[in-house]
Amino acid sequence: MSAMPRFEKDWYFLGFAQEDELPQLFELAKKYKCDLKTEGKRCAVYSNNPFRIDSIRLRLWGHRWAINKTWLEENPHLSGFDPRKCKKVKKRVDK
């Protein structure tokens, strides 16, 4: 039986955090048992657990797709959209 994939070696983009958001961001990472790292002048944040990114974004910025705190203001039409709640509708083929 093959071993489950381990994600700790890979880093996944979380978003762009400002300096004042970093303490809360690292506290959420500790709560979700994942590690974070920051890079660059824009403070790009990466997580080693791809399954926790949506939850951290939702708690920190208010939406699962948000990549910074102004994302919802820039994309108000997506504020209520959740792709997990979308149902695929099969096309009916009449013969």
N, C-alpha and C. Protein backbone atom coordinates (compact mmCIF):
# COMPACT_ATOMS: atom_id res chain seq x y z
N MET A 1 0.85 -1.18 0.00
CA MET A 1 0.00 0.00 0.00
C MET A 1 0.90 1.24 0.00
N SER A 2 0.60 2.19 -0.87
CA SER A 2 1.45 3.38 -0.96
C SER A 2 1.15 4.34 0.20
N ALA A 3 2.17 5.08 0.55
CA ALA A 3 2.03 6.03 1.65
C ALA A 3 1.23 7.25 1.20
N MET A 4 0.56 7.88 2.13
CA MET A 4 -0.18 9.10 1.82
C MET A 4 0.80 10.21 1.45
N PRO A 5 0.42 11.09 0.52
CA PRO A 5 1.34 12.16 0.13
C PRO A 5 1.58 13.11 1.29
N ARG A 6 2.80 13.59 1.40
CA ARG A 6 3.16 14.54 2.45
C ARG A 6 3.34 15.91 1.80
N PHE A 7 2.70 16.93 2.35
CA PHE A 7 2.73 18.25 1.75
C PHE A 7 3.71 19.20 2.44
N GLU A 8 4.32 18.79 3.53
CA GLU A 8 5.14 19.70 4.30
C GLU A 8 6.34 20.24 3.53
N LYS A 9 6.76 19.56 2.48
CA LYS A 9 7.92 20.01 1.72
C LYS A 9 7.54 21.06 0.70
N ASP A 10 6.28 21.13 0.32
CA ASP A 10 5.81 22.07 -0.69
C ASP A 10 5.17 23.29 -0.03
N TRP A 11 5.19 24.42 -0.74
CA TRP A 11 4.60 25.65 -0.24
C TRP A 11 3.54 26.13 -1.21
N TYR A 12 2.38 26.54 -0.68
CA TYR A 12 1.24 26.94 -1.48
C TYR A 12 0.88 28.39 -1.16
N PHE A 13 0.59 29.17 -2.20
CA PHE A 13 0.31 30.60 -2.04
C PHE A 13 -0.97 30.82 -1.23
N LEU A 14 -0.86 31.66 -0.22
CA LEU A 14 -2.00 32.00 0.63
C LEU A 14 -2.53 33.39 0.30
N GLY A 15 -1.64 34.35 0.17
CA GLY A 15 -2.06 35.72 -0.14
C GLY A 15 -0.98 36.72 0.20
N PHE A 16 -1.37 38.00 0.19
CA PHE A 16 -0.47 39.09 0.53
C PHE A 16 -0.95 39.70 1.83
N ALA A 17 -0.15 39.60 2.87
CA ALA A 17 -0.52 40.13 4.18
C ALA A 17 0.23 41.42 4.46
N GLN A 18 -0.42 42.30 5.20
CA GLN A 18 0.25 43.51 5.65
C GLN A 18 0.89 43.24 7.00
N GLU A 19 1.81 44.10 7.38
CA GLU A 19 2.57 43.89 8.61
C GLU A 19 1.66 43.73 9.84
N ASP A 20 0.58 44.50 9.91
CA ASP A 20 -0.30 44.43 11.07
C ASP A 20 -1.15 43.15 11.09
N GLU A 21 -1.24 42.43 9.96
CA GLU A 21 -2.01 41.19 9.90
C GLU A 21 -1.18 39.95 10.25
N LEU A 22 0.14 40.09 10.23
CA LEU A 22 1.00 38.93 10.43
C LEU A 22 0.80 38.21 11.78
N PRO A 23 0.68 38.92 12.91
CA PRO A 23 0.45 38.19 14.17
C PRO A 23 -0.81 37.32 14.14
N GLN A 24 -1.91 37.88 13.62
CA GLN A 24 -3.16 37.11 13.54
C GLN A 24 -3.01 35.95 12.56
N LEU A 25 -2.30 36.16 11.48
CA LEU A 25 -2.08 35.13 10.48
C LEU A 25 -1.29 33.95 11.06
N PHE A 26 -0.24 34.25 11.79
CA PHE A 26 0.56 33.18 12.38
C PHE A 26 -0.18 32.48 13.52
N GLU A 27 -1.06 33.20 14.19
CA GLU A 27 -1.90 32.58 15.23
C GLU A 27 -2.89 31.59 14.59
N LEU A 28 -3.48 31.97 13.46
CA LEU A 28 -4.36 31.06 12.74
C LEU A 28 -3.61 29.83 12.24
N ALA A 29 -2.39 30.04 11.77
CA ALA A 29 -1.58 28.91 11.30
C ALA A 29 -1.30 27.94 12.43
N LYS A 30 -1.03 28.47 13.60
CA LYS A 30 -0.80 27.59 14.76
C LYS A 30 -2.06 26.81 15.10
N LYS A 31 -3.21 27.48 15.02
CA LYS A 31 -4.49 26.83 15.31
C LYS A 31 -4.77 25.70 14.32
N TYR A 32 -4.46 25.94 13.03
CA TYR A 32 -4.70 24.95 11.99
C TYR A 32 -3.53 23.99 11.78
N LYS A 33 -2.53 24.08 12.62
CA LYS A 33 -1.38 23.17 12.61
C LYS A 33 -0.68 23.13 11.26
N CYS A 34 -0.34 24.32 10.77
CA CYS A 34 0.44 24.40 9.54
C CYS A 34 1.50 25.48 9.72
N ASP A 35 2.49 25.47 8.86
CA ASP A 35 3.55 26.46 8.91
C ASP A 35 3.35 27.47 7.80
N LEU A 36 3.81 28.69 8.06
CA LEU A 36 3.74 29.75 7.07
C LEU A 36 5.12 30.34 6.85
N LYS A 37 5.32 30.87 5.66
CA LYS A 37 6.54 31.64 5.42
C LYS A 37 6.17 32.85 4.59
N THR A 38 6.95 33.92 4.74
CA THR A 38 6.71 35.16 4.01
C THR A 38 7.90 35.45 3.11
N GLU A 39 7.61 36.12 1.99
CA GLU A 39 8.65 36.48 1.04
C GLU A 39 8.38 37.84 0.43
N GLY A 40 9.43 38.54 0.12
CA GLY A 40 9.35 39.75 -0.69
C GLY A 40 8.86 40.98 0.02
N LYS A 41 8.88 42.09 -0.73
CA LYS A 41 8.46 43.39 -0.20
C LYS A 41 6.96 43.45 0.01
N ARG A 42 6.18 42.75 -0.83
CA ARG A 42 4.72 42.76 -0.70
C ARG A 42 4.25 41.78 0.37
N CYS A 43 5.17 41.09 0.99
CA CYS A 43 4.87 40.14 2.06
C CYS A 43 3.94 39.03 1.58
N ALA A 44 4.37 38.32 0.55
CA ALA A 44 3.63 37.16 0.06
C ALA A 44 3.72 36.06 1.10
N VAL A 45 2.60 35.43 1.39
CA VAL A 45 2.55 34.39 2.42
C VAL A 45 2.25 33.05 1.78
N TYR A 46 2.98 32.03 2.21
CA TYR A 46 2.82 30.67 1.70
C TYR A 46 2.58 29.73 2.87
N SER A 47 1.77 28.70 2.61
CA SER A 47 1.45 27.69 3.63
C SER A 47 1.95 26.33 3.15
N ASN A 48 2.29 25.47 4.10
CA ASN A 48 2.72 24.12 3.73
C ASN A 48 1.55 23.14 3.73
N ASN A 49 0.33 23.60 3.98
CA ASN A 49 -0.83 22.73 4.00
C ASN A 49 -1.92 23.30 3.09
N PRO A 50 -2.10 22.73 1.90
CA PRO A 50 -3.07 23.30 0.96
C PRO A 50 -4.52 23.16 1.42
N PHE A 51 -4.79 22.27 2.35
CA PHE A 51 -6.16 22.04 2.81
C PHE A 51 -6.63 23.09 3.81
N ARG A 52 -5.74 23.89 4.35
CA ARG A 52 -6.10 24.91 5.35
C ARG A 52 -6.14 26.32 4.78
N ILE A 53 -5.74 26.50 3.54
CA ILE A 53 -5.66 27.84 2.95
C ILE A 53 -7.03 28.51 2.92
N ASP A 54 -8.06 27.81 2.46
CA ASP A 54 -9.41 28.40 2.40
C ASP A 54 -9.88 28.85 3.76
N SER A 55 -9.65 28.04 4.78
CA SER A 55 -10.11 28.38 6.13
C SER A 55 -9.38 29.60 6.67
N ILE A 56 -8.09 29.68 6.44
CA ILE A 56 -7.32 30.84 6.92
C ILE A 56 -7.77 32.10 6.19
N ARG A 57 -7.94 32.03 4.88
CA ARG A 57 -8.40 33.19 4.11
C ARG A 57 -9.78 33.65 4.58
N LEU A 58 -10.67 32.70 4.83
CA LEU A 58 -12.02 33.04 5.27
C LEU A 58 -12.00 33.75 6.62
N ARG A 59 -11.23 33.27 7.54
CA ARG A 59 -11.18 33.90 8.87
C ARG A 59 -10.46 35.24 8.86
N LEU A 60 -9.41 35.36 8.05
CA LEU A 60 -8.62 36.58 8.05
C LEU A 60 -9.21 37.67 7.17
N TRP A 61 -9.68 37.31 5.96
CA TRP A 61 -10.12 38.31 4.99
C TRP A 61 -11.59 38.20 4.62
N GLY A 62 -12.32 37.20 5.11
CA GLY A 62 -13.76 37.15 4.90
C GLY A 62 -14.25 36.38 3.68
N HIS A 63 -13.36 35.78 2.90
CA HIS A 63 -13.78 34.99 1.74
C HIS A 63 -12.71 33.95 1.45
N ARG A 64 -13.14 32.80 0.95
CA ARG A 64 -12.22 31.69 0.67
C ARG A 64 -11.24 31.98 -0.46
N TRP A 65 -11.59 32.91 -1.34
CA TRP A 65 -10.71 33.22 -2.48
C TRP A 65 -9.89 34.48 -2.26
N ALA A 66 -10.13 35.20 -1.17
CA ALA A 66 -9.44 36.47 -0.94
C ALA A 66 -7.94 36.26 -0.80
N ILE A 67 -7.18 37.14 -1.43
CA ILE A 67 -5.72 37.05 -1.32
C ILE A 67 -5.14 38.24 -0.57
N ASN A 68 -5.99 39.18 -0.18
CA ASN A 68 -5.59 40.29 0.69
C ASN A 68 -6.85 40.90 1.30
N LYS A 69 -6.67 41.89 2.18
CA LYS A 69 -7.85 42.40 2.89
C LYS A 69 -8.73 43.30 2.04
N THR A 70 -8.27 43.76 0.89
CA THR A 70 -9.10 44.60 0.02
C THR A 70 -9.76 43.80 -1.10
N TRP A 71 -9.56 42.50 -1.13
CA TRP A 71 -10.09 41.67 -2.22
C TRP A 71 -11.61 41.75 -2.31
N LEU A 72 -12.31 41.70 -1.18
CA LEU A 72 -13.77 41.76 -1.20
C LEU A 72 -14.28 43.11 -1.71
N GLU A 73 -13.59 44.18 -1.39
CA GLU A 73 -13.98 45.50 -1.89
C GLU A 73 -13.79 45.58 -3.41
N GLU A 74 -12.75 44.92 -3.90
CA GLU A 74 -12.45 44.95 -5.33
C GLU A 74 -13.33 43.98 -6.12
N ASN A 75 -13.88 42.96 -5.46
CA ASN A 75 -14.71 41.95 -6.12
C ASN A 75 -16.04 41.75 -5.38
N PRO A 76 -16.87 42.78 -5.29
CA PRO A 76 -18.11 42.64 -4.51
C PRO A 76 -19.08 41.63 -5.11
N HIS A 77 -19.01 41.40 -6.41
CA HIS A 77 -19.92 40.45 -7.06
C HIS A 77 -19.63 39.01 -6.66
N LEU A 78 -18.47 38.75 -6.05
CA LEU A 78 -18.13 37.39 -5.60
C LEU A 78 -18.32 37.19 -4.10
N SER A 79 -18.86 38.17 -3.41
CA SER A 79 -18.95 38.09 -1.95
C SER A 79 -19.78 36.91 -1.46
N GLY A 80 -20.84 36.55 -2.18
CA GLY A 80 -21.68 35.44 -1.74
C GLY A 80 -21.42 34.14 -2.48
N PHE A 81 -20.44 34.14 -3.36
CA PHE A 81 -20.20 32.97 -4.20
C PHE A 81 -19.35 31.94 -3.46
N ASP A 82 -19.81 30.69 -3.46
CA ASP A 82 -19.05 29.58 -2.89
C ASP A 82 -19.12 28.43 -3.88
N PRO A 83 -18.01 28.11 -4.56
CA PRO A 83 -18.05 27.07 -5.58
C PRO A 83 -18.39 25.69 -5.04
N ARG A 84 -18.19 25.48 -3.76
CA ARG A 84 -18.50 24.17 -3.18
C ARG A 84 -20.00 23.93 -3.09
N LYS A 85 -20.79 25.00 -3.12
CA LYS A 85 -22.24 24.86 -3.03
C LYS A 85 -22.91 24.76 -4.40
N CYS A 86 -22.14 24.94 -5.46
CA CYS A 86 -22.70 24.85 -6.81
C CYS A 86 -22.97 23.39 -7.15
N LYS A 87 -24.11 23.17 -7.77
CA LYS A 87 -24.46 21.82 -8.18
C LYS A 87 -24.35 21.72 -9.69
N LYS A 88 -23.75 20.64 -10.13
CA LYS A 88 -23.69 20.42 -11.57
C LYS A 88 -25.03 19.87 -12.03
N VAL A 89 -25.54 20.45 -13.09
CA VAL A 89 -26.81 20.02 -13.63
C VAL A 89 -26.54 19.25 -14.91
N LYS A 90 -27.02 18.03 -14.94
CA LYS A 90 -26.85 17.22 -16.15
C LYS A 90 -27.82 17.71 -17.20
N LYS A 91 -27.31 17.81 -18.41
CA LYS A 91 -28.18 18.20 -19.52
C LYS A 91 -29.06 17.03 -19.89
N ARG A 92 -30.31 17.31 -20.05
CA ARG A 92 -31.26 16.26 -20.39
C ARG A 92 -31.30 16.09 -21.91
N VAL A 93 -31.12 14.90 -22.34
CA VAL A 93 -31.13 14.61 -23.76
C VAL A 93 -32.43 13.86 -24.07
N ASP A 94 -33.30 14.51 -24.82
CA ASP A 94 -34.54 13.86 -25.23
C ASP A 94 -34.32 13.13 -26.55
N LYS A 95 -34.86 11.93 -26.62
CA LYS A 95 -34.71 11.15 -27.85
C LYS A 95 -35.96 11.22 -28.67
